Amino acid sequence: MRCLRCGECCQQTEMLVSKKDIQRLEKQGYTQEFFARVDESGYVTLRNRKGHCVFYKPETHACMVYAVRPAGCRVYPVILDEEKGIVVDTVCTAGKSVSEREKLVRGRLVVRLLDVIDAEAELRCKE
């Protein structure tokens, strides 16, 4: 799949991030307070500013942290739909270019990533 840099997936994002994602972004000089928020269930998501992800630059249609972006952004547009299972997000304008093989490979990564994020959220709630 080739990203068309439309920025649709960066609008009103609810992208979950893992501890590894947080550490990678902090190594780039960003503070967790700047780029993430923790909800009442212990899940960490990217923040939005002016209606889009804090790392999205609408002027250039680019991600400021593309090389170190969160794992969920890397596997996108493959997502887990609670009712349908692993699917390609219809928001993505390049989604039709995702092959079945790519969907399968990224789908496995999505499931593993969500397992990690669920476990991290559970631990956060116990702290």
Protein backbone atom coordinates (compact mmCIF):
# COMPACT_ATOMS: atom_id res chain seq x y z
CA MET A 1 0.00 0.00 0.00
CA ARG A 2 1.18 3.49 -0.77
CA CYS A 3 -0.03 6.35 1.42
CA LEU A 4 -1.57 9.16 -0.61
CA ARG A 5 -0.89 11.68 2.19
CA CYS A 6 -4.50 12.83 2.22
CA GLY A 7 -4.43 13.14 6.01
CA GLU A 8 -7.89 11.66 6.50
CA CYS A 9 -6.60 9.13 9.03
CA CYS A 10 -4.97 11.92 11.04
CA GLN A 11 -8.24 13.82 11.55
CA GLN A 12 -9.85 13.37 14.98
CA THR A 13 -7.51 10.47 15.64
CA GLU A 14 -8.11 8.02 18.44
CA MET A 15 -4.87 6.12 17.74
CA LEU A 16 -3.82 3.95 20.66
CA VAL A 17 -0.16 4.01 21.62
CA SER A 18 1.99 1.52 23.49
CA LYS A 19 4.81 2.07 25.98
CA LYS A 20 7.29 1.37 23.17
CA ASP A 21 5.65 4.05 21.03
CA ILE A 22 5.83 6.52 23.91
CA GLN A 23 9.50 5.77 24.54
CA ARG A 24 10.34 6.13 20.84
CA LEU A 25 8.61 9.51 20.64
CA GLU A 26 10.15 10.73 23.89
CA LYS A 27 13.61 9.88 22.49
CA GLN A 28 12.81 12.38 19.73
CA GLY A 29 12.37 15.09 22.37
CA TYR A 30 8.57 15.08 22.69
CA THR A 31 6.94 14.83 26.10
CA GLN A 32 4.12 12.40 26.70
CA GLU A 33 2.01 15.33 27.94
CA PHE A 34 2.40 16.96 24.51
CA PHE A 35 1.42 14.02 22.33
CA ALA A 36 -0.69 11.65 24.44
CA ARG A 37 -3.57 11.42 26.84
CA VAL A 38 -4.60 8.62 29.17
CA ASP A 39 -8.28 7.78 29.51
CA GLU A 40 -10.06 6.52 32.62
CA SER A 41 -9.52 2.91 31.52
CA GLY A 42 -5.74 3.32 31.27
CA TYR A 43 -5.55 3.50 27.48
CA VAL A 44 -3.15 6.01 25.93
CA THR A 45 -4.12 7.74 22.69
CA LEU A 46 -2.53 10.39 20.54
CA ARG A 47 -3.74 13.92 21.22
CA ASN A 48 -5.53 16.03 18.67
CA ARG A 49 -4.89 19.70 18.09
CA LYS A 50 -7.02 21.82 15.79
CA GLY A 51 -8.96 18.69 14.80
CA HIS A 52 -6.03 16.47 13.83
CA CYS A 53 -3.17 14.47 15.34
CA VAL A 54 -0.58 16.67 17.07
CA PHE A 55 2.07 15.31 14.70
CA TYR A 56 0.18 16.01 11.47
CA LYS A 57 1.17 19.11 9.50
CA PRO A 58 -1.80 20.07 7.30
CA GLU A 59 0.26 22.59 5.31
CA THR A 60 2.51 19.83 3.98
CA HIS A 61 0.18 16.84 4.45
CA ALA A 62 2.98 15.16 6.39
CA CYS A 63 3.61 13.44 9.68
CA MET A 64 6.32 15.12 11.74
CA VAL A 65 7.34 11.77 13.23
CA TYR A 66 6.75 9.46 10.27
CA ALA A 67 10.01 7.50 10.77
CA VAL A 68 9.17 6.83 14.43
CA ARG A 69 5.36 6.90 14.26
CA PRO A 70 3.33 4.64 16.56
CA ALA A 71 2.89 0.99 15.60
CA GLY A 72 -0.85 1.51 15.04
CA CYS A 73 -0.05 4.15 12.43
CA ARG A 74 2.41 1.76 10.78
CA VAL A 75 -0.17 -1.01 10.30
CA TYR A 76 -2.97 1.35 9.31
CA PRO A 77 -5.33 1.15 7.38
CA VAL A 78 -5.70 -2.40 8.67
CA ILE A 79 -7.74 -2.27 11.86
CA LEU A 80 -9.81 -4.48 14.13
CA ASP A 81 -13.54 -3.90 13.78
CA GLU A 82 -15.21 -5.37 16.88
CA GLU A 83 -18.07 -6.78 14.77
CA LYS A 84 -16.30 -7.70 11.51
CA GLY A 85 -12.80 -8.62 12.68
CA ILE A 86 -9.71 -7.51 10.74
CA VAL A 87 -10.70 -5.05 8.01
CA VAL A 88 -9.29 -2.21 5.95
CA ASP A 89 -10.58 1.10 7.32
CA THR A 90 -12.94 2.71 4.82
CA VAL A 91 -11.67 6.17 5.86
CA CYS A 92 -8.39 5.45 4.05
CA THR A 93 -8.46 6.69 0.47
CA ALA A 94 -5.69 4.23 -0.47
CA GLY A 95 -7.34 1.32 1.32
CA LYS A 96 -8.35 -0.42 -1.89
CA SER A 97 -4.67 -0.90 -2.70
CA VAL A 98 -4.15 -3.14 0.35
CA SER A 99 -3.72 -6.72 -0.85
CA GLU A 100 -5.29 -9.64 0.97
CA ARG A 101 -1.80 -10.83 1.94
CA GLU A 102 -0.90 -7.42 3.33
CA LYS A 103 -4.20 -7.33 5.22
CA LEU A 104 -3.44 -10.74 6.72
CA VAL A 105 0.11 -9.80 7.76
CA ARG A 106 -0.88 -6.42 9.18
CA GLY A 107 -3.93 -8.00 10.81
CA ARG A 108 -1.71 -10.32 12.86
CA LEU A 109 0.33 -7.31 13.95
CA VAL A 110 -2.85 -5.43 14.92
CA VAL A 111 -3.99 -8.31 17.14
CA ARG A 112 -0.57 -8.57 18.86
CA LEU A 113 -0.39 -4.81 19.31
CA LEU A 114 -3.86 -4.66 20.85
CA ASP A 115 -2.96 -7.48 23.25
CA VAL A 116 0.06 -5.44 24.42
CA ILE A 117 -1.96 -2.23 24.70
CA ASP A 118 -4.75 -4.00 26.63
CA ALA A 119 -2.22 -5.45 29.09
CA GLU A 120 -0.55 -2.05 29.54
CA ALA A 121 -3.90 -0.34 30.17
CA GLU A 122 -4.81 -2.98 32.76
CA LEU A 123 -1.49 -2.41 34.57
CA ARG A 124 -2.00 1.37 34.51
CA CYS A 125 -5.36 0.97 36.22
CA LYS A 126 -3.81 -1.13 38.96
CA GLU A 127 -1.10 1.45 39.70
